[in-house]
Amino acid sequence: MLLRLPTSVSEAQECMTEGAVPIGGATLVWATWQRDGFPDRAMSLRDLPEANAIGREALGAAVVLNRIDGRVPEVLRRAAATVGTGAVRRTATVGGNIVGSTLRCLLPAALVLDARAVILEPEGVSETDLAEVLAKRHLLLNLRWRAPIASSYHKAAGEAGGPSPLVVAAALHSAEGGRTRLRVAVRDDDEVFSESTVCHGDVEEDLRTLRNGSFGRLPAAAWELVGRQVTDLLARPADAWSTRPDRTTDARSVS
């Protein structure tokens, strides 16, 4: 297998044209290749600057999970910290987790950030939404979003070999007219739901609005956790939101 390590977008496009298979951290494909055979050409984006961004409003697809730190909103950092073991987080990448994995542990966090995906195709670089990336399995370069006011993340305990643990992620964003928008995403088993609402100043009303959408399909235990996370997030003092935009504690269907 010939492994290409492009250092520019044009070089990466050339690799795609040649049929090179993107491998990310190879944590998801290595066992399959050992069983079924290795591709003739593969490509890693680990040396491509556009795929290695880490910041308050961007995260590259080639970033390995254990590099995700306080430079990104807390909801993403906590999500990455709960993926697999330390050995997995040292090799698994953002792009592999979101596009290549069936668990997609980072997806709820990306959804509540209202992240957009920058993708690479043989024709060039473009931006699209996460639903299209998942449906068409595009080659992800990076994620971009507007920094939230505050965010929240919780992942329930899970058993090895059992169902995917329940995840609730939430974030508050500035909206038009000085209002605040609440975004919440839930992973229940292998299905991910997301909803949003402009905050009414009444937690119960906000929760009712959320439940009128796809969250109405959630089981009672999942909805209870949504209620706790949203209540805790909205209860934070407004001055805490304004002094630290990414402050966080331990939230339409995309599947």
C-alpha atoms as a PDB file:
ATOM      1  CA  MET A   1       0.000   0.000   0.000  1.00  0.00           C
ATOM      2  CA  LEU A   2       1.312   3.426  -1.005  1.00  0.00           C
ATOM      3  CA  LEU A   3       0.494   6.026   1.663  1.00  0.00           C
ATOM      4  CA  ARG A   4       0.347   9.627   0.463  1.00  0.00           C
ATOM      5  CA  LEU A   5       0.738  12.543   2.907  1.00  0.00           C
ATOM      6  CA  PRO A   6      -0.357  15.684   1.006  1.00  0.00           C
ATOM      7  CA  THR A   7       0.715  19.049   2.361  1.00  0.00           C
ATOM      8  CA  SER A   8      -1.612  21.189   0.223  1.00  0.00           C
ATOM      9  CA  VAL A   9      -5.218  21.057  -0.923  1.00  0.00           C
ATOM     10  CA  SER A  10      -4.154  20.716  -4.567  1.00  0.00           C
ATOM     11  CA  GLU A  11      -1.941  17.751  -3.707  1.00  0.00           C
ATOM     12  CA  ALA A  12      -4.801  16.149  -1.757  1.00  0.00           C
ATOM     13  CA  GLN A  13      -7.090  16.612  -4.773  1.00  0.00           C
ATOM     14  CA  GLU A  14      -4.500  14.879  -6.930  1.00  0.00           C
ATOM     15  CA  CYS A  15      -4.444  11.956  -4.490  1.00  0.00           C
ATOM     16  CA  MET A  16      -8.233  11.688  -4.662  1.00  0.00           C
ATOM     17  CA  THR A  17      -8.126  11.672  -8.450  1.00  0.00           C
ATOM     18  CA  GLU A  18      -5.646   8.795  -8.282  1.00  0.00           C
ATOM     19  CA  GLY A  19      -8.106   6.840  -6.143  1.00  0.00           C
ATOM     20  CA  ALA A  20      -6.294   7.107  -2.793  1.00  0.00           C
ATOM     21  CA  VAL A  21      -8.462   5.963   0.131  1.00  0.00           C
ATOM     22  CA  PRO A  22      -8.647   8.413   3.096  1.00  0.00           C
ATOM     23  CA  ILE A  23      -7.582   6.583   6.264  1.00  0.00           C
ATOM     24  CA  GLY A  24      -7.772   9.109   9.135  1.00  0.00           C
ATOM     25  CA  GLY A  25      -6.250   7.396  12.155  1.00  0.00           C
ATOM     26  CA  ALA A  26      -6.974   3.960  10.605  1.00  0.00           C
ATOM     27  CA  THR A  27      -8.561   2.775  13.872  1.00  0.00           C
ATOM     28  CA  LEU A  28     -11.778   1.791  12.070  1.00  0.00           C
ATOM     29  CA  VAL A  29     -10.374   0.212   8.896  1.00  0.00           C
ATOM     30  CA  TRP A  30      -7.179  -1.554   9.886  1.00  0.00           C
ATOM     31  CA  ALA A  31      -8.771  -4.818  10.993  1.00  0.00           C
ATOM     32  CA  THR A  32     -10.923  -4.900   7.845  1.00  0.00           C
ATOM     33  CA  TRP A  33      -7.893  -4.348   5.626  1.00  0.00           C
ATOM     34  CA  GLN A  34      -5.958  -7.077   7.411  1.00  0.00           C
ATOM     35  CA  ARG A  35      -8.836  -9.436   6.683  1.00  0.00           C
ATOM     36  CA  ASP A  36      -9.842  -8.326   3.187  1.00  0.00           C
ATOM     37  CA  GLY A  37      -6.646  -6.835   1.817  1.00  0.00           C
ATOM     38  CA  PHE A  38      -5.087  -3.375   1.738  1.00  0.00           C
ATOM     39  CA  PRO A  39      -5.881  -0.743  -0.925  1.00  0.00           C
ATOM     40  CA  ASP A  40      -3.223   0.117  -3.483  1.00  0.00           C
ATOM     41  CA  ARG A  41      -3.199   3.782  -2.434  1.00  0.00           C
ATOM     42  CA  ALA A  42      -4.186   5.513   0.794  1.00  0.00           C
ATOM     43  CA  MET A  43      -4.087   9.126   1.927  1.00  0.00           C
ATOM     44  CA  SER A  44      -3.702  10.744   5.343  1.00  0.00           C
ATOM     45  CA  LEU A  45      -4.457  14.443   5.939  1.00  0.00           C
ATOM     46  CA  ARG A  46      -2.210  14.635   8.994  1.00  0.00           C
ATOM     47  CA  ASP A  47       0.237  17.013   7.242  1.00  0.00           C
ATOM     48  CA  LEU A  48      -2.431  19.206   5.642  1.00  0.00           C
ATOM     49  CA  PRO A  49      -2.719  22.541   7.528  1.00  0.00           C
ATOM     50  CA  GLU A  50      -6.423  22.983   6.732  1.00  0.00           C
ATOM     51  CA  ALA A  51      -7.174  19.626   8.385  1.00  0.00           C
ATOM     52  CA  ASN A  52      -5.248  20.408  11.578  1.00  0.00           C
ATOM     53  CA  ALA A  53      -6.942  23.578  12.832  1.00  0.00           C
ATOM     54  CA  ILE A  54      -7.792  23.745  16.535  1.00  0.00           C
ATOM     55  CA  GLY A  55      -9.528  26.882  17.769  1.00  0.00           C
ATOM     56  CA  ARG A  56     -12.539  28.548  19.298  1.00  0.00           C
ATOM     57  CA  GLU A  57     -14.465  28.315  16.015  1.00  0.00           C
ATOM     58  CA  ALA A  58     -12.760  25.558  14.007  1.00  0.00           C
ATOM     59  CA  LEU A  59     -11.535  21.975  14.326  1.00  0.00           C
ATOM     60  CA  GLY A  60      -9.652  20.030  11.669  1.00  0.00           C
ATOM     61  CA  ALA A  61     -10.633  16.559  10.527  1.00  0.00           C
ATOM     62  CA  ALA A  62      -7.097  15.190  10.970  1.00  0.00           C
ATOM     63  CA  VAL A  63      -6.831  16.270  14.623  1.00  0.00           C
ATOM     64  CA  VAL A  64      -6.504  13.233  16.866  1.00  0.00           C
ATOM     65  CA  LEU A  65      -8.959  13.230  19.737  1.00  0.00           C
ATOM     66  CA  ASN A  66      -6.446  13.555  22.572  1.00  0.00           C
ATOM     67  CA  ARG A  67      -5.272  16.900  21.096  1.00  0.00           C
ATOM     68  CA  ILE A  68      -8.707  18.472  21.535  1.00  0.00           C
ATOM     69  CA  ASP A  69      -8.310  20.853  24.464  1.00  0.00           C
ATOM     70  CA  GLY A  70      -9.567  24.122  25.937  1.00  0.00           C
ATOM     71  CA  ARG A  71      -9.056  25.959  22.658  1.00  0.00           C
ATOM     72  CA  VAL A  72     -12.389  24.541  21.434  1.00  0.00           C
ATOM     73  CA  PRO A  73     -15.781  24.923  23.149  1.00  0.00           C
ATOM     74  CA  GLU A  74     -16.066  22.685  26.178  1.00  0.00           C
ATOM     75  CA  VAL A  75     -18.869  20.592  24.681  1.00  0.00           C
ATOM     76  CA  LEU A  76     -16.472  19.318  22.006  1.00  0.00           C
ATOM     77  CA  ARG A  77     -13.590  18.802  24.420  1.00  0.00           C
ATOM     78  CA  ARG A  78     -15.713  16.726  26.788  1.00  0.00           C
ATOM     79  CA  ALA A  79     -17.179  14.718  23.948  1.00  0.00           C
ATOM     80  CA  ALA A  80     -13.715  13.840  22.656  1.00  0.00           C
ATOM     81  CA  ALA A  81     -12.497  12.934  26.144  1.00  0.00           C
ATOM     82  CA  THR A  82     -15.174  10.234  26.476  1.00  0.00           C
ATOM     83  CA  VAL A  83     -14.339   8.372  23.250  1.00  0.00           C
ATOM     84  CA  GLY A  84     -12.842   4.905  23.771  1.00  0.00           C
ATOM     85  CA  THR A  85      -9.596   4.439  25.657  1.00  0.00           C
ATOM     86  CA  GLY A  86      -6.531   6.638  25.861  1.00  0.00           C
ATOM     87  CA  ALA A  87      -4.882   4.520  23.174  1.00  0.00           C
ATOM     88  CA  VAL A  88      -7.851   5.046  20.853  1.00  0.00           C
ATOM     89  CA  ARG A  89      -7.889   8.822  21.469  1.00  0.00           C
ATOM     90  CA  ARG A  90      -4.198   9.029  20.564  1.00  0.00           C
ATOM     91  CA  THR A  91      -4.890   7.736  17.049  1.00  0.00           C
ATOM     92  CA  ALA A  92      -8.590   8.295  16.210  1.00  0.00           C
ATOM     93  CA  THR A  93      -9.337  11.500  14.298  1.00  0.00           C
ATOM     94  CA  VAL A  94     -12.207  13.966  14.208  1.00  0.00           C
ATOM     95  CA  GLY A  95     -13.051  13.082  10.613  1.00  0.00           C
ATOM     96  CA  GLY A  96     -12.945   9.362  11.271  1.00  0.00           C
ATOM     97  CA  ASN A  97     -15.232   9.712  14.280  1.00  0.00           C
ATOM     98  CA  ILE A  98     -17.859  11.824  12.545  1.00  0.00           C
ATOM     99  CA  VAL A  99     -17.820  10.340   9.038  1.00  0.00           C
ATOM    100  CA  GLY A 100     -16.339   6.874   9.450  1.00  0.00           C
ATOM    101  CA  SER A 101     -17.742   5.713  12.788  1.00  0.00           C
ATOM    102  CA  THR A 102     -21.237   4.399  13.384  1.00  0.00           C
ATOM    103  CA  LEU A 103     -21.108   5.783  16.964  1.00  0.00           C
ATOM    104  CA  ARG A 104     -20.236   9.349  15.876  1.00  0.00           C
ATOM    105  CA  CYS A 105     -19.511  10.421  19.440  1.00  0.00           C
ATOM    106  CA  LEU A 106     -18.619  13.975  18.373  1.00  0.00           C
ATOM    107  CA  LEU A 107     -21.756  14.464  16.283  1.00  0.00           C
ATOM    108  CA  PRO A 108     -24.114  15.698  19.063  1.00  0.00           C
ATOM    109  CA  ALA A 109     -21.526  18.297  20.099  1.00  0.00           C
ATOM    110  CA  ALA A 110     -21.053  19.434  16.500  1.00  0.00           C
ATOM    111  CA  LEU A 111     -24.819  19.701  16.006  1.00  0.00           C
ATOM    112  CA  VAL A 112     -25.397  21.947  19.035  1.00  0.00           C
ATOM    113  CA  LEU A 113     -22.588  24.185  17.812  1.00  0.00           C
ATOM    114  CA  ASP A 114     -24.508  24.406  14.499  1.00  0.00           C
ATOM    115  CA  ALA A 115     -21.245  23.434  12.820  1.00  0.00           C
ATOM    116  CA  ARG A 116     -20.737  23.557   9.073  1.00  0.00           C
ATOM    117  CA  ALA A 117     -18.493  21.082   7.293  1.00  0.00           C
ATOM    118  CA  VAL A 118     -15.705  22.103   4.941  1.00  0.00           C
ATOM    119  CA  ILE A 119     -15.206  19.208   2.526  1.00  0.00           C
ATOM    120  CA  LEU A 120     -12.703  18.299  -0.160  1.00  0.00           C
ATOM    121  CA  GLU A 121     -13.735  16.894  -3.521  1.00  0.00           C
ATOM    122  CA  PRO A 122     -11.699  16.347  -6.695  1.00  0.00           C
ATOM    123  CA  GLU A 123     -13.279  19.564  -8.034  1.00  0.00           C
ATOM    124  CA  GLY A 124     -12.282  21.661  -5.026  1.00  0.00           C
ATOM    125  CA  VAL A 125     -13.201  22.766  -1.510  1.00  0.00           C
ATOM    126  CA  SER A 126     -16.780  23.581  -0.510  1.00  0.00           C
ATOM    127  CA  GLU A 127     -18.945  23.973   2.580  1.00  0.00           C
ATOM    128  CA  THR A 128     -22.033  21.969   3.439  1.00  0.00           C
ATOM    129  CA  ASP A 129     -24.101  20.774   6.387  1.00  0.00           C
ATOM    130  CA  LEU A 130     -23.407  17.734   8.526  1.00  0.00           C
ATOM    131  CA  ALA A 131     -26.422  15.786   7.239  1.00  0.00           C
ATOM    132  CA  GLU A 132     -25.019  15.810   3.702  1.00  0.00           C
ATOM    133  CA  VAL A 133     -21.553  14.825   4.928  1.00  0.00           C
ATOM    134  CA  LEU A 134     -22.986  11.789   6.701  1.00  0.00           C
ATOM    135  CA  ALA A 135     -25.264  10.814   3.831  1.00  0.00           C
ATOM    136  CA  LYS A 136     -22.614  11.078   1.118  1.00  0.00           C
ATOM    137  CA  ARG A 137     -19.534  10.317   3.268  1.00  0.00           C
ATOM    138  CA  HIS A 138     -17.626  13.307   1.976  1.00  0.00           C
ATOM    139  CA  LEU A 139     -13.946  13.787   2.777  1.00  0.00           C
ATOM    140  CA  LEU A 140     -14.050  16.212   5.709  1.00  0.00           C
ATOM    141  CA  LEU A 141     -11.372  18.916   5.959  1.00  0.00           C
ATOM    142  CA  ASN A 142     -12.644  20.727   9.045  1.00  0.00           C
ATOM    143  CA  LEU A 143     -15.636  21.889  11.051  1.00  0.00           C
ATOM    144  CA  ARG A 144     -16.491  25.567  11.522  1.00  0.00           C
ATOM    145  CA  TRP A 145     -19.016  27.250  13.827  1.00  0.00           C
ATOM    146  CA  ARG A 146     -19.746  30.448  15.696  1.00  0.00           C
ATOM    147  CA  ALA A 147     -18.569  30.286  19.311  1.00  0.00           C
ATOM    148  CA  PRO A 148     -21.471  29.595  21.693  1.00  0.00           C
ATOM    149  CA  ILE A 149     -22.352  31.640  24.755  1.00  0.00           C
ATOM    150  CA  ALA A 150     -22.237  28.489  26.892  1.00  0.00           C
ATOM    151  CA  SER A 151     -22.549  24.735  26.415  1.00  0.00           C
ATOM    152  CA  SER A 152     -23.201  21.506  28.283  1.00  0.00           C
ATOM    153  CA  TYR A 153     -22.380  17.819  27.756  1.00  0.00           C
ATOM    154  CA  HIS A 154     -23.258  14.556  29.462  1.00  0.00           C
ATOM    155  CA  LYS A 155     -22.574  10.959  28.470  1.00  0.00           C
ATOM    156  CA  ALA A 156     -24.199   8.174  30.465  1.00  0.00           C
ATOM    157  CA  ALA A 157     -22.199   5.193  31.646  1.00  0.00           C
ATOM    158  CA  GLY A 158     -22.132   2.312  29.178  1.00  0.00           C
ATOM    159  CA  GLU A 159     -21.207  -1.349  29.180  1.00  0.00           C
ATOM    160  CA  ALA A 160     -18.584  -2.886  26.911  1.00  0.00           C
ATOM    161  CA  GLY A 161     -20.355  -4.574  24.029  1.00  0.00           C
ATOM    162  CA  GLY A 162     -23.673  -3.014  25.040  1.00  0.00           C
ATOM    163  CA  PRO A 163     -25.800  -0.317  23.394  1.00  0.00           C
ATOM    164  CA  SER A 164     -24.254   3.064  22.622  1.00  0.00           C
ATOM    165  CA  PRO A 165     -24.384   5.197  25.793  1.00  0.00           C
ATOM    166  CA  LEU A 166     -26.968   7.967  25.946  1.00  0.00           C
ATOM    167  CA  VAL A 167     -25.492  11.389  25.145  1.00  0.00           C
ATOM    168  CA  VAL A 168     -27.026  14.823  25.672  1.00  0.00           C
ATOM    169  CA  ALA A 169     -25.269  17.958  24.411  1.00  0.00           C
ATOM    170  CA  ALA A 170     -26.602  21.517  24.584  1.00  0.00           C
ATOM    171  CA  ALA A 171     -25.428  25.020  23.715  1.00  0.00           C
ATOM    172  CA  LEU A 172     -26.674  28.588  23.966  1.00  0.00           C
ATOM    173  CA  HIS A 173     -26.116  30.968  21.052  1.00  0.00           C
ATOM    174  CA  SER A 174     -26.716  34.651  20.449  1.00  0.00           C
ATOM    175  CA  ALA A 175     -29.741  35.229  18.212  1.00  0.00           C
ATOM    176  CA  GLU A 176     -31.230  38.252  16.469  1.00  0.00           C
ATOM    177  CA  GLY A 177     -32.780  40.965  18.565  1.00  0.00           C
ATOM    178  CA  GLY A 178     -30.607  40.231  21.583  1.00  0.00           C
ATOM    179  CA  ARG A 179     -32.335  36.908  22.138  1.00  0.00           C
ATOM    180  CA  THR A 180     -30.727  33.549  22.957  1.00  0.00           C
ATOM    181  CA  ARG A 181     -31.158  30.310  21.012  1.00  0.00           C
ATOM    182  CA  LEU A 182     -30.914  26.946  22.726  1.00  0.00           C
ATOM    183  CA  ARG A 183     -29.713  23.962  20.696  1.00  0.00           C
ATOM    184  CA  VAL A 184     -29.910  20.420  22.058  1.00  0.00           C
ATOM    185  CA  ALA A 185     -28.795  17.098  20.544  1.00  0.00           C
ATOM    186  CA  VAL A 186     -29.319  13.581  21.852  1.00  0.00           C
ATOM    187  CA  ARG A 187     -27.761  10.285  20.857  1.00  0.00           C
ATOM    188  CA  ASP A 188     -30.094   7.489  21.892  1.00  0.00           C
ATOM    189  CA  ASP A 189     -28.655   4.101  20.923  1.00  0.00           C
ATOM    190  CA  ASP A 190     -27.367   4.710  17.366  1.00  0.00           C
ATOM    191  CA  GLU A 191     -29.822   7.479  16.435  1.00  0.00           C
ATOM    192  CA  VAL A 192     -29.086  11.185  16.835  1.00  0.00           C
ATOM    193  CA  PHE A 193     -31.779  13.847  17.236  1.00  0.00           C
ATOM    194  CA  SER A 194     -31.374  17.621  17.372  1.00  0.00           C
ATOM    195  CA  GLU A 195     -33.765  20.475  18.064  1.00  0.00           C
ATOM    196  CA  SER A 196     -33.516  24.197  18.814  1.00  0.00           C
ATOM    197  CA  THR A 197     -35.683  26.973  20.210  1.00  0.00           C
ATOM    198  CA  VAL A 198     -35.405  30.642  21.005  1.00  0.00           C
ATOM    199  CA  CYS A 199     -35.351  30.880  24.803  1.00  0.00           C
ATOM    200  CA  HIS A 200     -38.592  32.169  26.332  1.00  0.00           C
ATOM    201  CA  GLY A 201     -37.263  32.919  29.822  1.00  0.00           C
ATOM    202  CA  ASP A 202     -39.211  29.922  31.117  1.00  0.00           C
ATOM    203  CA  VAL A 203     -37.434  26.551  31.245  1.00  0.00           C
ATOM    204  CA  GLU A 204     -40.642  24.545  31.149  1.00  0.00           C
ATOM    205  CA  GLU A 205     -41.838  26.381  28.060  1.00  0.00           C
ATOM    206  CA  ASP A 206     -38.487  25.834  26.350  1.00  0.00           C
ATOM    207  CA  LEU A 207     -38.662  22.122  27.126  1.00  0.00           C
ATOM    208  CA  ARG A 208     -42.228  21.869  25.816  1.00  0.00           C
ATOM    209  CA  THR A 209     -41.137  23.484  22.558  1.00  0.00           C
ATOM    210  CA  LEU A 210     -38.257  21.044  22.193  1.00  0.00           C
ATOM    211  CA  ARG A 211     -40.469  18.049  22.879  1.00  0.00           C
ATOM    212  CA  ASN A 212     -42.964  19.077  20.194  1.00  0.00           C
ATOM    213  CA  GLY A 213     -40.330  18.091  17.633  1.00  0.00           C
ATOM    214  CA  SER A 214     -38.322  14.893  17.235  1.00  0.00           C
ATOM    215  CA  PHE A 215     -37.607  14.752  20.978  1.00  0.00           C
ATOM    216  CA  GLY A 216     -41.163  13.533  21.438  1.00  0.00           C
ATOM    217  CA  ARG A 217     -39.838  10.148  20.297  1.00  0.00           C
ATOM    218  CA  LEU A 218     -37.300   9.918  23.115  1.00  0.00           C
ATOM    219  CA  PRO A 219     -37.832   7.372  25.909  1.00  0.00           C
ATOM    220  CA  ALA A 220     -38.570   8.728  29.377  1.00  0.00           C
ATOM    221  CA  ALA A 221     -35.017   8.265  30.717  1.00  0.00           C
ATOM    222  CA  ALA A 222     -33.501  10.206  27.819  1.00  0.00           C
ATOM    223  CA  TRP A 223     -36.041  13.013  28.116  1.00  0.00           C
ATOM    224  CA  GLU A 224     -35.395  13.277  31.851  1.00  0.00           C
ATOM    225  CA  LEU A 225     -31.687  13.771  31.184  1.00  0.00           C
ATOM    226  CA  VAL A 226     -32.475  16.422  28.555  1.00  0.00           C
ATOM    227  CA  GLY A 227     -34.560  18.257  31.141  1.00  0.00           C
ATOM    228  CA  ARG A 228     -31.761  18.215  33.716  1.00  0.00           C
ATOM    229  CA  GLN A 229     -29.109  19.391  31.259  1.00  0.00           C
ATOM    230  CA  VAL A 230     -31.238  22.194  29.845  1.00  0.00           C
ATOM    231  CA  THR A 231     -32.326  23.347  33.302  1.00  0.00           C
ATOM    232  CA  ASP A 232     -28.738  23.419  34.575  1.00  0.00           C
ATOM    233  CA  LEU A 233     -27.500  25.274  31.489  1.00  0.00           C
ATOM    234  CA  LEU A 234     -30.214  27.929  31.583  1.00  0.00           C
ATOM    235  CA  ALA A 235     -29.762  28.404  35.339  1.00  0.00           C
ATOM    236  CA  ARG A 236     -26.252  29.729  34.940  1.00  0.00           C
ATOM    237  CA  PRO A 237     -25.865  33.451  35.697  1.00  0.00           C
ATOM    238  CA  ALA A 238     -26.031  35.633  32.585  1.00  0.00           C
ATOM    239  CA  ASP A 239     -22.801  37.389  33.545  1.00  0.00           C
ATOM    240  CA  ALA A 240     -21.005  34.038  33.538  1.00  0.00           C
ATOM    241  CA  TRP A 241     -22.153  33.507  29.945  1.00  0.00           C
ATOM    242  CA  SER A 242     -20.821  36.871  28.823  1.00  0.00           C
ATOM    243  CA  THR A 243     -17.439  36.682  30.549  1.00  0.00           C
ATOM    244  CA  ARG A 244     -16.570  33.226  29.279  1.00  0.00           C
ATOM    245  CA  PRO A 245     -18.255  32.376  25.952  1.00  0.00           C
ATOM    246  CA  ASP A 246     -17.271  28.711  25.934  1.00  0.00           C
ATOM    247  CA  ARG A 247     -17.967  28.004  29.606  1.00  0.00           C
ATOM    248  CA  THR A 248     -19.412  24.505  29.966  1.00  0.00           C
ATOM    249  CA  THR A 249     -20.148  21.697  32.439  1.00  0.00           C
ATOM    250  CA  ASP A 250     -20.250  18.002  32.117  1.00  0.00           C
ATOM    251  CA  ALA A 251     -27.496  17.725  24.648  1.00  0.00           C
ATOM    252  CA  ARG A 252     -34.625  16.782  13.077  1.00  0.00           C
ATOM    253  CA  SER A 253     -33.039  13.370  13.130  1.00  0.00           C
ATOM    254  CA  VAL A 254     -29.630  12.524  11.692  1.00  0.00           C
ATOM    255  CA  SER A 255     -28.864   8.840  11.421  1.00  0.00           C
END
